[in-house]
Amino acid sequence: MPLVRINLSKKYSESFARQVGDIVYNVMREQINVPEDDKFQIITRHDASELNIPKSYLGIEYSEGIIFIQATISFGRSTDIKKRLYKAICDSLVKNLQVRAQDVFINLLEVNKENWSFGNGEMQYADKD
């Protein structure tokens, strides 16, 4: 059920960007029970001029290697579950791709289940708990 958007610099290869997507998907499967094959991602690599970020915010120093991860998910997960998700995504990216933890920016958007259509003009999740 997540729709994941990943935005990162063109300094990263297409292969690297795809690996980020794979890591995010695998962690979401483990942490928030995303079903198998529910992997809908839009991965965009940008020129440096297209990523406008501060040098720092909330005491976190950013670099041109920042990776933005935004996932639209259905309502229903606790703050603790989301905290574990953020930490697991970050830790996995750091471990597997050697990115800086400070450059992993994550945002979740929560929507009601009736706000999804996976095709055929149908509202597949409307009647599911």
C-alpha atoms as a PDB file:
ATOM      1  CA  MET A   1       0.000   0.000   0.000  1.00  0.00           C
ATOM      2  CA  PRO A   2       2.825   2.523   0.171  1.00  0.00           C
ATOM      3  CA  LEU A   3       3.629   4.840  -2.691  1.00  0.00           C
ATOM      4  CA  VAL A   4       7.273   5.763  -2.212  1.00  0.00           C
ATOM      5  CA  ARG A   5       9.034   8.717  -3.804  1.00  0.00           C
ATOM      6  CA  ILE A   6      12.806   8.806  -3.598  1.00  0.00           C
ATOM      7  CA  ASN A   7      14.671  11.922  -4.674  1.00  0.00           C
ATOM      8  CA  LEU A   8      18.444  12.070  -4.743  1.00  0.00           C
ATOM      9  CA  SER A   9      21.363  13.637  -6.557  1.00  0.00           C
ATOM     10  CA  LYS A  10      22.523  12.541  -9.997  1.00  0.00           C
ATOM     11  CA  LYS A  11      25.887  12.046  -8.317  1.00  0.00           C
ATOM     12  CA  TYR A  12      24.404   8.664  -7.437  1.00  0.00           C
ATOM     13  CA  SER A  13      24.127   6.080 -10.213  1.00  0.00           C
ATOM     14  CA  GLU A  14      20.863   4.576 -11.424  1.00  0.00           C
ATOM     15  CA  SER A  15      21.964   1.310  -9.842  1.00  0.00           C
ATOM     16  CA  PHE A  16      22.546   3.020  -6.496  1.00  0.00           C
ATOM     17  CA  ALA A  17      19.116   4.690  -6.702  1.00  0.00           C
ATOM     18  CA  ARG A  18      17.479   1.326  -7.384  1.00  0.00           C
ATOM     19  CA  GLN A  19      19.305  -0.164  -4.388  1.00  0.00           C
ATOM     20  CA  VAL A  20      17.910   2.611  -2.195  1.00  0.00           C
ATOM     21  CA  GLY A  21      14.435   1.645  -3.421  1.00  0.00           C
ATOM     22  CA  ASP A  22      15.057  -2.025  -2.705  1.00  0.00           C
ATOM     23  CA  ILE A  23      16.279  -1.257   0.816  1.00  0.00           C
ATOM     24  CA  VAL A  24      13.288   0.966   1.578  1.00  0.00           C
ATOM     25  CA  TYR A  25      10.893  -1.711   0.288  1.00  0.00           C
ATOM     26  CA  ASN A  26      12.548  -4.513   2.279  1.00  0.00           C
ATOM     27  CA  VAL A  27      12.588  -2.489   5.490  1.00  0.00           C
ATOM     28  CA  MET A  28       8.933  -1.528   5.021  1.00  0.00           C
ATOM     29  CA  ARG A  29       8.066  -5.208   4.567  1.00  0.00           C
ATOM     30  CA  GLU A  30       9.821  -6.016   7.839  1.00  0.00           C
ATOM     31  CA  GLN A  31       8.715  -3.030   9.909  1.00  0.00           C
ATOM     32  CA  ILE A  32       5.191  -2.182   8.742  1.00  0.00           C
ATOM     33  CA  ASN A  33       4.078  -5.435   7.098  1.00  0.00           C
ATOM     34  CA  VAL A  34       3.985  -4.223   3.500  1.00  0.00           C
ATOM     35  CA  PRO A  35       2.702  -7.130   1.400  1.00  0.00           C
ATOM     36  CA  GLU A  36       4.925  -8.945  -1.083  1.00  0.00           C
ATOM     37  CA  ASP A  37       4.932  -7.281  -4.528  1.00  0.00           C
ATOM     38  CA  ASP A  38       3.443  -4.067  -3.087  1.00  0.00           C
ATOM     39  CA  LYS A  39       6.383  -2.087  -4.419  1.00  0.00           C
ATOM     40  CA  PHE A  40       5.248   1.157  -6.038  1.00  0.00           C
ATOM     41  CA  GLN A  41       8.134   3.611  -6.217  1.00  0.00           C
ATOM     42  CA  ILE A  42       9.038   6.737  -8.147  1.00  0.00           C
ATOM     43  CA  ILE A  43      12.787   7.295  -8.058  1.00  0.00           C
ATOM     44  CA  THR A  44      14.116  10.564  -9.425  1.00  0.00           C
ATOM     45  CA  ARG A  45      17.728  11.650  -9.715  1.00  0.00           C
ATOM     46  CA  HIS A  46      18.290  15.413  -9.775  1.00  0.00           C
ATOM     47  CA  ASP A  47      20.931  17.918 -10.840  1.00  0.00           C
ATOM     48  CA  ALA A  48      22.508  19.695  -7.870  1.00  0.00           C
ATOM     49  CA  SER A  49      20.547  22.865  -8.718  1.00  0.00           C
ATOM     50  CA  GLU A  50      17.259  21.016  -8.271  1.00  0.00           C
ATOM     51  CA  LEU A  51      17.863  20.076  -4.627  1.00  0.00           C
ATOM     52  CA  ASN A  52      17.527  23.175  -2.477  1.00  0.00           C
ATOM     53  CA  ILE A  53      18.502  22.316   1.099  1.00  0.00           C
ATOM     54  CA  PRO A  54      19.879  24.222   4.074  1.00  0.00           C
ATOM     55  CA  LYS A  55      23.402  23.598   5.285  1.00  0.00           C
ATOM     56  CA  SER A  56      21.870  22.484   8.571  1.00  0.00           C
ATOM     57  CA  TYR A  57      18.553  22.191  10.377  1.00  0.00           C
ATOM     58  CA  LEU A  58      17.802  21.058  13.936  1.00  0.00           C
ATOM     59  CA  GLY A  59      21.526  20.563  14.465  1.00  0.00           C
ATOM     60  CA  ILE A  60      21.836  18.148  11.517  1.00  0.00           C
ATOM     61  CA  GLU A  61      24.461  19.012   8.889  1.00  0.00           C
ATOM     62  CA  TYR A  62      23.442  18.037   5.332  1.00  0.00           C
ATOM     63  CA  SER A  63      25.554  17.326   2.259  1.00  0.00           C
ATOM     64  CA  GLU A  64      24.900  17.137  -1.473  1.00  0.00           C
ATOM     65  CA  GLY A  65      24.403  13.415  -0.844  1.00  0.00           C
ATOM     66  CA  ILE A  66      21.017  13.928   0.822  1.00  0.00           C
ATOM     67  CA  ILE A  67      18.362  11.318  -0.001  1.00  0.00           C
ATOM     68  CA  PHE A  68      14.695  12.282   0.327  1.00  0.00           C
ATOM     69  CA  ILE A  69      12.286   9.414   0.985  1.00  0.00           C
ATOM     70  CA  GLN A  70       8.571  10.171   1.078  1.00  0.00           C
ATOM     71  CA  ALA A  71       6.052   7.392   1.548  1.00  0.00           C
ATOM     72  CA  THR A  72       2.294   7.688   1.352  1.00  0.00           C
ATOM     73  CA  ILE A  73       0.776   5.005   3.576  1.00  0.00           C
ATOM     74  CA  SER A  74      -2.593   4.200   5.093  1.00  0.00           C
ATOM     75  CA  PHE A  75      -3.424   5.497   8.579  1.00  0.00           C
ATOM     76  CA  GLY A  76      -3.050   3.173  11.517  1.00  0.00           C
ATOM     77  CA  ARG A  77       0.540   2.923  12.698  1.00  0.00           C
ATOM     78  CA  SER A  78       1.717   4.100  16.082  1.00  0.00           C
ATOM     79  CA  THR A  79       4.442   6.666  16.675  1.00  0.00           C
ATOM     80  CA  ASP A  80       6.710   3.888  18.008  1.00  0.00           C
ATOM     81  CA  ILE A  81       6.282   1.836  14.828  1.00  0.00           C
ATOM     82  CA  LYS A  82       7.118   4.892  12.705  1.00  0.00           C
ATOM     83  CA  LYS A  83      10.205   5.635  14.821  1.00  0.00           C
ATOM     84  CA  ARG A  84      11.410   2.058  14.300  1.00  0.00           C
ATOM     85  CA  LEU A  85      10.734   2.359  10.572  1.00  0.00           C
ATOM     86  CA  TYR A  86      12.784   5.581  10.274  1.00  0.00           C
ATOM     87  CA  LYS A  87      15.660   4.072  12.237  1.00  0.00           C
ATOM     88  CA  ALA A  88      15.652   0.807  10.289  1.00  0.00           C
ATOM     89  CA  ILE A  89      15.635   2.563   6.902  1.00  0.00           C
ATOM     90  CA  CYS A  90      18.462   4.860   7.945  1.00  0.00           C
ATOM     91  CA  ASP A  91      20.550   2.096   9.509  1.00  0.00           C
ATOM     92  CA  SER A  92      20.137  -0.130   6.459  1.00  0.00           C
ATOM     93  CA  LEU A  93      21.127   2.636   4.020  1.00  0.00           C
ATOM     94  CA  VAL A  94      24.178   3.493   6.130  1.00  0.00           C
ATOM     95  CA  LYS A  95      25.224  -0.149   6.459  1.00  0.00           C
ATOM     96  CA  ASN A  96      24.574  -1.280   2.897  1.00  0.00           C
ATOM     97  CA  LEU A  97      25.290   1.841   0.844  1.00  0.00           C
ATOM     98  CA  GLN A  98      27.589   3.824   3.149  1.00  0.00           C
ATOM     99  CA  VAL A  99      25.445   6.961   3.064  1.00  0.00           C
ATOM    100  CA  ARG A 100      25.673   9.475   5.885  1.00  0.00           C
ATOM    101  CA  ALA A 101      22.894   9.026   8.447  1.00  0.00           C
ATOM    102  CA  GLN A 102      22.468  12.808   8.454  1.00  0.00           C
ATOM    103  CA  ASP A 103      21.550  12.669   4.751  1.00  0.00           C
ATOM    104  CA  VAL A 104      18.588  10.299   5.141  1.00  0.00           C
ATOM    105  CA  PHE A 105      15.470  12.501   5.145  1.00  0.00           C
ATOM    106  CA  ILE A 106      12.179  10.619   5.586  1.00  0.00           C
ATOM    107  CA  ASN A 107       8.599  11.893   5.444  1.00  0.00           C
ATOM    108  CA  LEU A 108       5.421   9.836   5.831  1.00  0.00           C
ATOM    109  CA  LEU A 109       2.041  10.933   4.505  1.00  0.00           C
ATOM    110  CA  GLU A 110      -0.927   9.061   5.951  1.00  0.00           C
ATOM    111  CA  VAL A 111      -4.196   8.705   4.068  1.00  0.00           C
ATOM    112  CA  ASN A 112      -7.461   6.863   4.558  1.00  0.00           C
ATOM    113  CA  LYS A 113      -7.791   3.481   2.869  1.00  0.00           C
ATOM    114  CA  GLU A 114     -10.438   4.778   0.471  1.00  0.00           C
ATOM    115  CA  ASN A 115      -7.803   7.058  -1.058  1.00  0.00           C
ATOM    116  CA  TRP A 116      -6.162   4.196  -2.965  1.00  0.00           C
ATOM    117  CA  SER A 117      -6.945   2.729  -6.372  1.00  0.00           C
ATOM    118  CA  PHE A 118      -4.435   0.199  -7.661  1.00  0.00           C
ATOM    119  CA  GLY A 119      -6.085  -0.044 -11.062  1.00  0.00           C
ATOM    120  CA  ASN A 120      -9.338  -0.793 -12.862  1.00  0.00           C
ATOM    121  CA  GLY A 121     -10.896   2.330 -11.358  1.00  0.00           C
ATOM    122  CA  GLU A 122     -11.629   0.378  -8.180  1.00  0.00           C
ATOM    123  CA  MET A 123     -11.170   1.209  -4.504  1.00  0.00           C
ATOM    124  CA  GLN A 124      -9.505  -2.053  -3.455  1.00  0.00           C
ATOM    125  CA  TYR A 125      -8.935  -1.229   0.225  1.00  0.00           C
ATOM    126  CA  ALA A 126     -12.237   0.548   0.971  1.00  0.00           C
ATOM    127  CA  ASP A 127     -13.916  -2.376   2.699  1.00  0.00           C
ATOM    128  CA  LYS A 128     -10.847  -3.943   4.324  1.00  0.00           C
ATOM    129  CA  ASP A 129      -9.882  -3.470   7.971  1.00  0.00           C
END
